[in-house]
PDB file of all heavy atoms in Angstrom:
ATOM      1  N   GLN A   1     -13.825  20.515 -24.104  1.00  0.00           N
ATOM      2  CA  GLN A   1     -13.989  21.784 -24.380  1.00  0.00           C
ATOM      3  C   GLN A   1     -13.086  22.767 -23.463  1.00  0.00           C
ATOM      4  O   GLN A   1     -12.175  23.419 -23.969  1.00  0.00           O
ATOM      5  CB  GLN A   1     -15.440  22.367 -24.296  1.00  0.00           C
ATOM      6  CG  GLN A   1     -16.264  21.750 -25.411  1.00  0.00           C
ATOM      7  CD  GLN A   1     -15.769  22.022 -26.846  1.00  0.00           C
ATOM      8  OE1 GLN A   1     -15.330  23.090 -27.179  1.00  0.00           O
ATOM      9  NE2 GLN A   1     -15.758  20.824 -27.602  1.00  0.00           N
ATOM     10  N   SER A   2     -13.269  22.777 -22.131  1.00  0.00           N
ATOM     11  CA  SER A   2     -12.396  23.453 -21.241  1.00  0.00           C
ATOM     12  C   SER A   2     -11.719  22.518 -20.364  1.00  0.00           C
ATOM     13  O   SER A   2     -12.267  21.684 -19.771  1.00  0.00           O
ATOM     14  CB  SER A   2     -13.257  24.382 -20.353  1.00  0.00           C
ATOM     15  OG  SER A   2     -12.481  25.220 -19.504  1.00  0.00           O
ATOM     16  N   VAL A   3     -10.332  22.792 -20.211  1.00  0.00           N
ATOM     17  CA  VAL A   3      -9.434  21.914 -19.352  1.00  0.00           C
ATOM     18  C   VAL A   3      -8.764  22.844 -18.263  1.00  0.00           C
ATOM     19  O   VAL A   3      -7.829  22.332 -17.754  1.00  0.00           O
ATOM     20  CB  VAL A   3      -8.492  21.147 -20.159  1.00  0.00           C
ATOM     21  CG1 VAL A   3      -9.111  20.041 -20.995  1.00  0.00           C
ATOM     22  CG2 VAL A   3      -7.582  22.115 -21.059  1.00  0.00           C
ATOM     23  N   ASN A   4      -9.255  24.043 -18.102  1.00  0.00           N
ATOM     24  CA  ASN A   4      -8.526  24.849 -17.170  1.00  0.00           C
ATOM     25  C   ASN A   4      -8.538  24.274 -15.751  1.00  0.00           C
ATOM     26  O   ASN A   4      -7.555  24.445 -15.069  1.00  0.00           O
ATOM     27  CB  ASN A   4      -9.231  26.297 -17.225  1.00  0.00           C
ATOM     28  CG  ASN A   4      -8.886  27.068 -18.518  1.00  0.00           C
ATOM     29  OD1 ASN A   4      -7.963  26.825 -19.168  1.00  0.00           O
ATOM     30  ND2 ASN A   4      -9.975  27.919 -18.958  1.00  0.00           N
ATOM     31  N   PRO A   5      -9.639  23.807 -15.345  1.00  0.00           N
ATOM     32  CA  PRO A   5      -9.596  23.128 -13.956  1.00  0.00           C
ATOM     33  C   PRO A   5      -8.604  21.895 -13.932  1.00  0.00           C
ATOM     34  O   PRO A   5      -7.941  21.838 -12.759  1.00  0.00           O
ATOM     35  CB  PRO A   5     -11.041  22.530 -13.777  1.00  0.00           C
ATOM     36  CG  PRO A   5     -11.861  23.544 -14.695  1.00  0.00           C
ATOM     37  CD  PRO A   5     -10.944  23.763 -15.845  1.00  0.00           C
ATOM     38  N   ILE A   6      -8.397  21.238 -15.000  1.00  0.00           N
ATOM     39  CA  ILE A   6      -7.499  20.181 -14.905  1.00  0.00           C
ATOM     40  C   ILE A   6      -6.070  20.643 -14.737  1.00  0.00           C
ATOM     41  O   ILE A   6      -5.185  20.033 -14.127  1.00  0.00           O
ATOM     42  CB  ILE A   6      -7.478  19.393 -16.218  1.00  0.00           C
ATOM     43  CG1 ILE A   6      -8.903  18.619 -16.306  1.00  0.00           C
ATOM     44  CG2 ILE A   6      -6.450  18.323 -16.283  1.00  0.00           C
ATOM     45  CD1 ILE A   6      -9.158  17.898 -17.618  1.00  0.00           C
ATOM     46  N   GLY A   7      -5.695  21.842 -15.331  1.00  0.00           N
ATOM     47  CA  GLY A   7      -4.339  22.439 -15.176  1.00  0.00           C
ATOM     48  C   GLY A   7      -4.211  22.770 -13.587  1.00  0.00           C
ATOM     49  O   GLY A   7      -2.969  22.578 -13.170  1.00  0.00           O
ATOM     50  N   PHE A   8      -5.151  23.114 -12.976  1.00  0.00           N
ATOM     51  CA  PHE A   8      -4.956  23.429 -11.457  1.00  0.00           C
ATOM     52  C   PHE A   8      -4.685  22.194 -10.761  1.00  0.00           C
ATOM     53  O   PHE A   8      -3.873  22.233  -9.767  1.00  0.00           O
ATOM     54  CB  PHE A   8      -6.163  24.186 -10.930  1.00  0.00           C
ATOM     55  CG  PHE A   8      -6.355  25.718 -11.507  1.00  0.00           C
ATOM     56  CD1 PHE A   8      -7.480  26.009 -12.129  1.00  0.00           C
ATOM     57  CD2 PHE A   8      -5.346  26.549 -11.208  1.00  0.00           C
ATOM     58  CE1 PHE A   8      -7.754  27.205 -12.643  1.00  0.00           C
ATOM     59  CE2 PHE A   8      -5.590  27.835 -11.688  1.00  0.00           C
ATOM     60  CZ  PHE A   8      -6.766  28.072 -12.381  1.00  0.00           C
ATOM     61  N   VAL A   9      -5.270  21.057 -11.182  1.00  0.00           N
ATOM     62  CA  VAL A   9      -5.146  19.837 -10.471  1.00  0.00           C
ATOM     63  C   VAL A   9      -3.681  19.368 -10.762  1.00  0.00           C
ATOM     64  O   VAL A   9      -2.929  18.901  -9.937  1.00  0.00           O
ATOM     65  CB  VAL A   9      -6.060  18.691 -10.967  1.00  0.00           C
ATOM     66  CG1 VAL A   9      -5.626  17.382 -10.520  1.00  0.00           C
ATOM     67  CG2 VAL A   9      -7.444  19.085 -10.640  1.00  0.00           C
ATOM     68  N   PHE A  10      -3.181  19.512 -12.038  1.00  0.00           N
ATOM     69  CA  PHE A  10      -1.804  19.200 -12.356  1.00  0.00           C
ATOM     70  C   PHE A  10      -0.764  19.869 -11.479  1.00  0.00           C
ATOM     71  O   PHE A  10       0.148  19.295 -10.967  1.00  0.00           O
ATOM     72  CB  PHE A  10      -1.495  19.417 -13.774  1.00  0.00           C
ATOM     73  CG  PHE A  10      -0.112  19.268 -14.273  1.00  0.00           C
ATOM     74  CD1 PHE A  10       0.361  17.876 -14.662  1.00  0.00           C
ATOM     75  CD2 PHE A  10       0.778  20.264 -14.217  1.00  0.00           C
ATOM     76  CE1 PHE A  10       1.610  17.721 -14.864  1.00  0.00           C
ATOM     77  CE2 PHE A  10       2.111  20.037 -14.564  1.00  0.00           C
ATOM     78  CZ  PHE A  10       2.490  18.764 -14.982  1.00  0.00           C
ATOM     79  N   LEU A  11      -0.994  21.204 -11.404  1.00  0.00           N
ATOM     80  CA  LEU A  11      -0.010  22.072 -10.667  1.00  0.00           C
ATOM     81  C   LEU A  11      -0.028  21.617  -9.190  1.00  0.00           C
ATOM     82  O   LEU A  11       1.055  21.790  -8.436  1.00  0.00           O
ATOM     83  CB  LEU A  11      -0.325  23.547 -10.831  1.00  0.00           C
ATOM     84  CG  LEU A  11      -0.115  24.060 -12.354  1.00  0.00           C
ATOM     85  CD1 LEU A  11      -0.596  25.406 -12.371  1.00  0.00           C
ATOM     86  CD2 LEU A  11       1.264  24.018 -12.648  1.00  0.00           C
ATOM     87  N   SER A  12      -1.196  21.284  -8.704  1.00  0.00           N
ATOM     88  CA  SER A  12      -1.388  20.852  -7.317  1.00  0.00           C
ATOM     89  C   SER A  12      -0.540  19.574  -7.036  1.00  0.00           C
ATOM     90  O   SER A  12       0.226  19.451  -6.052  1.00  0.00           O
ATOM     91  CB  SER A  12      -2.808  20.681  -6.841  1.00  0.00           C
ATOM     92  OG  SER A  12      -3.422  21.918  -6.918  1.00  0.00           O
ATOM     93  N   LEU A  13      -0.675  18.736  -8.105  1.00  0.00           N
ATOM     94  CA  LEU A  13       0.135  17.354  -7.799  1.00  0.00           C
ATOM     95  C   LEU A  13       1.544  17.529  -7.871  1.00  0.00           C
ATOM     96  O   LEU A  13       2.319  16.848  -7.345  1.00  0.00           O
ATOM     97  CB  LEU A  13      -0.479  16.459  -8.952  1.00  0.00           C
ATOM     98  CG  LEU A  13      -1.871  15.811  -8.663  1.00  0.00           C
ATOM     99  CD1 LEU A  13      -2.254  15.081  -9.952  1.00  0.00           C
ATOM    100  CD2 LEU A  13      -1.913  14.967  -7.410  1.00  0.00           C
ATOM    101  N   VAL A  14       1.943  18.478  -8.773  1.00  0.00           N
ATOM    102  CA  VAL A  14       3.385  18.788  -8.915  1.00  0.00           C
ATOM    103  C   VAL A  14       4.080  19.142  -7.679  1.00  0.00           C
ATOM    104  O   VAL A  14       5.295  18.811  -7.367  1.00  0.00           O
ATOM    105  CB  VAL A  14       3.589  19.830  -9.990  1.00  0.00           C
ATOM    106  CG1 VAL A  14       5.118  20.273  -9.929  1.00  0.00           C
ATOM    107  CG2 VAL A  14       3.334  19.280 -11.329  1.00  0.00           C
ATOM    108  N   GLU A  15       3.487  19.802  -6.672  1.00  0.00           N
ATOM    109  CA  GLU A  15       3.948  20.280  -5.503  1.00  0.00           C
ATOM    110  C   GLU A  15       4.456  19.025  -4.656  1.00  0.00           C
ATOM    111  O   GLU A  15       5.308  19.296  -3.778  1.00  0.00           O
ATOM    112  CB  GLU A  15       2.756  20.990  -4.567  1.00  0.00           C
ATOM    113  CG  GLU A  15       2.413  22.388  -5.183  1.00  0.00           C
ATOM    114  CD  GLU A  15       3.632  23.274  -5.228  1.00  0.00           C
ATOM    115  OE1 GLU A  15       4.244  23.399  -4.279  1.00  0.00           O
ATOM    116  OE2 GLU A  15       3.835  23.969  -6.193  1.00  0.00           O
ATOM    117  N   ALA A  16       3.926  17.821  -4.880  1.00  0.00           N
ATOM    118  CA  ALA A  16       4.549  16.834  -4.135  1.00  0.00           C
ATOM    119  C   ALA A  16       5.963  16.570  -4.315  1.00  0.00           C
ATOM    120  O   ALA A  16       6.684  16.007  -3.649  1.00  0.00           O
ATOM    121  CB  ALA A  16       3.704  15.389  -4.533  1.00  0.00           C
ATOM    122  N   GLY A  17       6.471  17.092  -5.614  1.00  0.00           N
ATOM    123  CA  GLY A  17       7.930  16.967  -5.856  1.00  0.00           C
ATOM    124  C   GLY A  17       8.809  17.689  -5.007  1.00  0.00           C
ATOM    125  O   GLY A  17      10.019  17.535  -5.036  1.00  0.00           O
ATOM    126  N   ARG A  18       8.276  18.453  -4.070  1.00  0.00           N
ATOM    127  CA  ARG A  18       9.195  19.282  -3.185  1.00  0.00           C
ATOM    128  C   ARG A  18       9.720  18.339  -2.089  1.00  0.00           C
ATOM    129  O   ARG A  18      10.602  18.818  -1.367  1.00  0.00           O
ATOM    130  CB  ARG A  18       8.322  20.400  -2.507  1.00  0.00           C
ATOM    131  CG  ARG A  18       7.955  21.550  -3.323  1.00  0.00           C
ATOM    132  CD  ARG A  18       7.136  22.670  -2.579  1.00  0.00           C
ATOM    133  NE  ARG A  18       6.769  23.775  -3.475  1.00  0.00           N
ATOM    134  CZ  ARG A  18       7.375  24.742  -3.769  1.00  0.00           C
ATOM    135  NH1 ARG A  18       8.783  24.780  -3.361  1.00  0.00           N
ATOM    136  NH2 ARG A  18       6.922  25.762  -4.532  1.00  0.00           N
ATOM    137  N   TYR A  19       9.211  17.268  -1.911  1.00  0.00           N
ATOM    138  CA  TYR A  19       9.420  16.357  -0.807  1.00  0.00           C
ATOM    139  C   TYR A  19       9.981  15.129  -1.272  1.00  0.00           C
ATOM    140  O   TYR A  19       9.566  14.548  -2.359  1.00  0.00           O
ATOM    141  CB  TYR A  19       8.303  16.198   0.058  1.00  0.00           C
ATOM    142  CG  TYR A  19       7.576  17.476   0.557  1.00  0.00           C
ATOM    143  CD1 TYR A  19       6.434  17.870  -0.140  1.00  0.00           C
ATOM    144  CD2 TYR A  19       8.121  18.142   1.624  1.00  0.00           C
ATOM    145  CE1 TYR A  19       5.955  19.109   0.340  1.00  0.00           C
ATOM    146  CE2 TYR A  19       7.569  19.470   2.047  1.00  0.00           C
ATOM    147  CZ  TYR A  19       6.445  19.815   1.290  1.00  0.00           C
ATOM    148  OH  TYR A  19       5.828  20.995   1.732  1.00  0.00           O
ATOM    149  N   PRO A  20      11.004  14.411  -0.567  1.00  0.00           N
ATOM    150  CA  PRO A  20      11.378  13.069  -0.936  1.00  0.00           C
ATOM    151  C   PRO A  20      10.353  12.009  -1.164  1.00  0.00           C
ATOM    152  O   PRO A  20       9.366  12.068  -0.420  1.00  0.00           O
ATOM    153  CB  PRO A  20      12.386  12.770   0.049  1.00  0.00           C
ATOM    154  CG  PRO A  20      12.793  14.040   0.742  1.00  0.00           C
ATOM    155  CD  PRO A  20      11.525  14.948   0.568  1.00  0.00           C
ATOM    156  N   LEU A  21      10.536  11.162  -2.160  1.00  0.00           N
ATOM    157  CA  LEU A  21       9.456  10.042  -2.318  1.00  0.00           C
ATOM    158  C   LEU A  21       9.288   9.318  -1.098  1.00  0.00           C
ATOM    159  O   LEU A  21       8.180   8.852  -0.875  1.00  0.00           O
ATOM    160  CB  LEU A  21       9.993   9.297  -3.427  1.00  0.00           C
ATOM    161  CG  LEU A  21       8.950   8.298  -4.052  1.00  0.00           C
ATOM    162  CD1 LEU A  21       7.831   9.075  -4.703  1.00  0.00           C
ATOM    163  CD2 LEU A  21       9.686   7.436  -5.135  1.00  0.00           C
ATOM    164  N   VAL A  22      10.209   8.980  -0.218  1.00  0.00           N
ATOM    165  CA  VAL A  22      10.059   8.230   0.898  1.00  0.00           C
ATOM    166  C   VAL A  22       9.355   8.776   1.978  1.00  0.00           C
ATOM    167  O   VAL A  22       8.774   8.047   3.010  1.00  0.00           O
ATOM    168  CB  VAL A  22      11.447   7.671   1.574  1.00  0.00           C
ATOM    169  CG1 VAL A  22      12.296   6.891   0.529  1.00  0.00           C
ATOM    170  CG2 VAL A  22      12.175   8.954   1.892  1.00  0.00           C
ATOM    171  N   PHE A  23       8.911  10.041   1.861  1.00  0.00           N
ATOM    172  CA  PHE A  23       8.007  10.714   2.868  1.00  0.00           C
ATOM    173  C   PHE A  23       6.583  10.280   2.718  1.00  0.00           C
ATOM    174  O   PHE A  23       5.858  10.519   3.581  1.00  0.00           O
ATOM    175  CB  PHE A  23       8.189  12.214   2.708  1.00  0.00           C
ATOM    176  CG  PHE A  23       9.533  12.751   3.390  1.00  0.00           C
ATOM    177  CD1 PHE A  23      10.537  12.088   3.547  1.00  0.00           C
ATOM    178  CD2 PHE A  23       9.523  14.143   3.609  1.00  0.00           C
ATOM    179  CE1 PHE A  23      11.789  12.543   4.195  1.00  0.00           C
ATOM    180  CE2 PHE A  23      10.663  14.734   4.179  1.00  0.00           C
ATOM    181  CZ  PHE A  23      11.823  13.961   4.368  1.00  0.00           C
ATOM    182  N   PHE A  24       6.314   9.679   1.648  1.00  0.00           N
ATOM    183  CA  PHE A  24       4.877   9.390   1.258  1.00  0.00           C
ATOM    184  C   PHE A  24       4.722   7.841   1.495  1.00  0.00           C
ATOM    185  O   PHE A  24       5.520   7.046   1.609  1.00  0.00           O
ATOM    186  CB  PHE A  24       4.537   9.656  -0.077  1.00  0.00           C
ATOM    187  CG  PHE A  24       4.776  11.065  -0.445  1.00  0.00           C
ATOM    188  CD1 PHE A  24       5.894  11.605  -0.978  1.00  0.00           C
ATOM    189  CD2 PHE A  24       3.667  12.023  -0.234  1.00  0.00           C
ATOM    190  CE1 PHE A  24       6.072  13.020  -1.421  1.00  0.00           C
ATOM    191  CE2 PHE A  24       3.775  13.317  -0.499  1.00  0.00           C
ATOM    192  CZ  PHE A  24       4.960  13.812  -0.992  1.00  0.00           C
ATOM    193  N   PRO A  25       3.307   7.388   1.745  1.00  0.00           N
ATOM    194  CA  PRO A  25       2.992   6.059   1.904  1.00  0.00           C
ATOM    195  C   PRO A  25       3.348   5.293   0.590  1.00  0.00           C
ATOM    196  O   PRO A  25       3.517   5.862  -0.490  1.00  0.00           O
ATOM    197  CB  PRO A  25       1.435   5.953   2.071  1.00  0.00           C
ATOM    198  CG  PRO A  25       1.187   7.351   2.717  1.00  0.00           C
ATOM    199  CD  PRO A  25       2.195   8.266   2.042  1.00  0.00           C
ATOM    200  N   VAL A  26       3.442   4.016   0.653  1.00  0.00           N
ATOM    201  CA  VAL A  26       3.845   3.145  -0.485  1.00  0.00           C
ATOM    202  C   VAL A  26       2.916   3.408  -1.718  1.00  0.00           C
ATOM    203  O   VAL A  26       3.400   3.572  -2.861  1.00  0.00           O
ATOM    204  CB  VAL A  26       3.779   1.680  -0.172  1.00  0.00           C
ATOM    205  CG1 VAL A  26       4.064   0.755  -1.334  1.00  0.00           C
ATOM    206  CG2 VAL A  26       4.896   1.345   1.000  1.00  0.00           C
ATOM    207  N   ALA A  27       1.575   3.403  -1.489  1.00  0.00           N
ATOM    208  CA  ALA A  27       0.695   3.585  -2.612  1.00  0.00           C
ATOM    209  C   ALA A  27       0.943   4.934  -3.253  1.00  0.00           C
ATOM    210  O   ALA A  27       0.851   5.154  -4.540  1.00  0.00           O
ATOM    211  CB  ALA A  27      -0.786   3.530  -2.119  1.00  0.00           C
ATOM    212  N   VAL A  28       1.246   6.038  -2.482  1.00  0.00           N
ATOM    213  CA  VAL A  28       1.491   7.392  -3.037  1.00  0.00           C
ATOM    214  C   VAL A  28       2.810   7.302  -3.832  1.00  0.00           C
ATOM    215  O   VAL A  28       2.966   7.938  -4.893  1.00  0.00           O
ATOM    216  CB  VAL A  28       1.419   8.360  -2.026  1.00  0.00           C
ATOM    217  CG1 VAL A  28       1.702   9.722  -2.468  1.00  0.00           C
ATOM    218  CG2 VAL A  28       0.054   8.463  -1.262  1.00  0.00           C
TER     219      VAL A  28
END
C-alpha cells in the first residue's frame, strides 16, 4: 500500500555513488 519509506532507503543507498567503488569493503 505505502512505499514512501522505501523511497528514502533508495535515495540513501544512491549516496554511495559519490565515492569510488574501491573505497568500500569487498562485500559492499
